[in-house]
Amino acid sequence: MKRAKFKLTRESFRYKEETILEIGGITVTAFRYSTGVRALRFSNSKGFIILLPFRGQQVWDAVFNGRRLTMESMYDEPMDVDNFLGTYGCFIMHCGARRMGCPGPEDDHPLHGELPYAKYNEVFIETGENEKGIYAGLSGVFHYNQAFQDKYDARPSVRFYENSGVFDFTIEVENLSNYPMDLMYMAHINFLPQLGTEIFQSPDWDQNAMKIRKSIPAHVRVQEGFIDFLEKLEKEPGLTKTIREEDMYDPEICFTFTDLKTSEDGKARFIQRHKDGSGDYVCYNPALLDRTTRWIMRTKNQKAFGLALPATCESEGYSAEKAKGNIKIIEPGASVLFEIEVGYLEPEETENIIKYINK
């Protein structure tokens, strides 16, 4: 099958959901939420994902075999705002690319940078076939150009396959300036944590491989007993192998993996296995994404599980990460590509990959 690509405009989206593409076992529909935010639904026989083509190219939602993968949030629909916390509840978003993380006292950048709610003017539907099968996907170009600062293009892409609940989530960042550019990037993946699930991962479960974040972001409120729980997990990170009711993930717990063991193919793999045997899945090559974060939150308003957030740095903001030596550099005219596989595994697929991880 030959690859094809066509451009979408904002005028293509109406409040009534309409089919705009059918290819193989994939159907793509376009619609607007009541808030006015444009969206695309990519569906196959297993389920669907919803993408926001003009707002960050986020994966807003994902449902497979009747199970919603996406975090529980305070928003039923994406809001048409630029404020990160004003519409937080997506399944996956790009963070960065110049700055990322929770800004500290010395920082002036927004929470997680400019990419989460970047406005895209160039948006494309792409189709084709590769070794994984027939796919339909979304791509676009975000142009960043600030006088006396940086100039770059971000080109994200999602490829959704006709017979799979796992899709490709990628982004390429190209430095268009004549000067080197600081790079901070994270793929912020927000699964729904379920009580009694089991976690399997390539890295070890000890404090040498999993470093807990003890700093508290400015937007987070801490309840009594939380610091004691942090200190307990610092010594025994393996307690998080299972999501339990009694554990205090309010407001949130963050780990950074410092020893990302990989399989023979050079990839790290992470699974949340549910009681029905199905799995939530993240897979990537940590050669560039070498500072993976795990984020767990179970509050009365929000529940989210960042099983693995592949990143180039930790999430404490520019000044803190620069002091640690975690800022990457893109040279003038150079680019970097990040590729991640993420989504839903059938029970048999889940067990096969768990065996692979354990081996």
Foldseek 3Di string as FASTA:
>chain_A
DDKDKDWDALVVEEQDWDWDDDDDQWTKIWYADPQRQIWIWIDAPFWIWIFRFFFLRFRAWTAGPRRTFWWFFQDPDAHPDQACVPGPTGQKGKFDFQKEFFADPPDDAHHRHRRRGAGFRTKMWMWDADPVGTWIKIWGWGWDDDPPAFTKIKIWMWIDHRPDFKIKTKIKIWGQDQFKTWTKIKIQGWTFADAFWFKFKLDDFALVFKAKDQDDGPVFDDDPPPNVLSVVCNGGVVVVRGDHPPRDCVAKIKIKGQDQHDAPVQKIKMWTADPQQKIWIKMFHCPQQRTWMWMFGDDPRIGTTRRTIRIQFDRHMDVVGVVVVSIDIAHHRGMDMTMMMTGMGDNVRNVVVSVSSVD
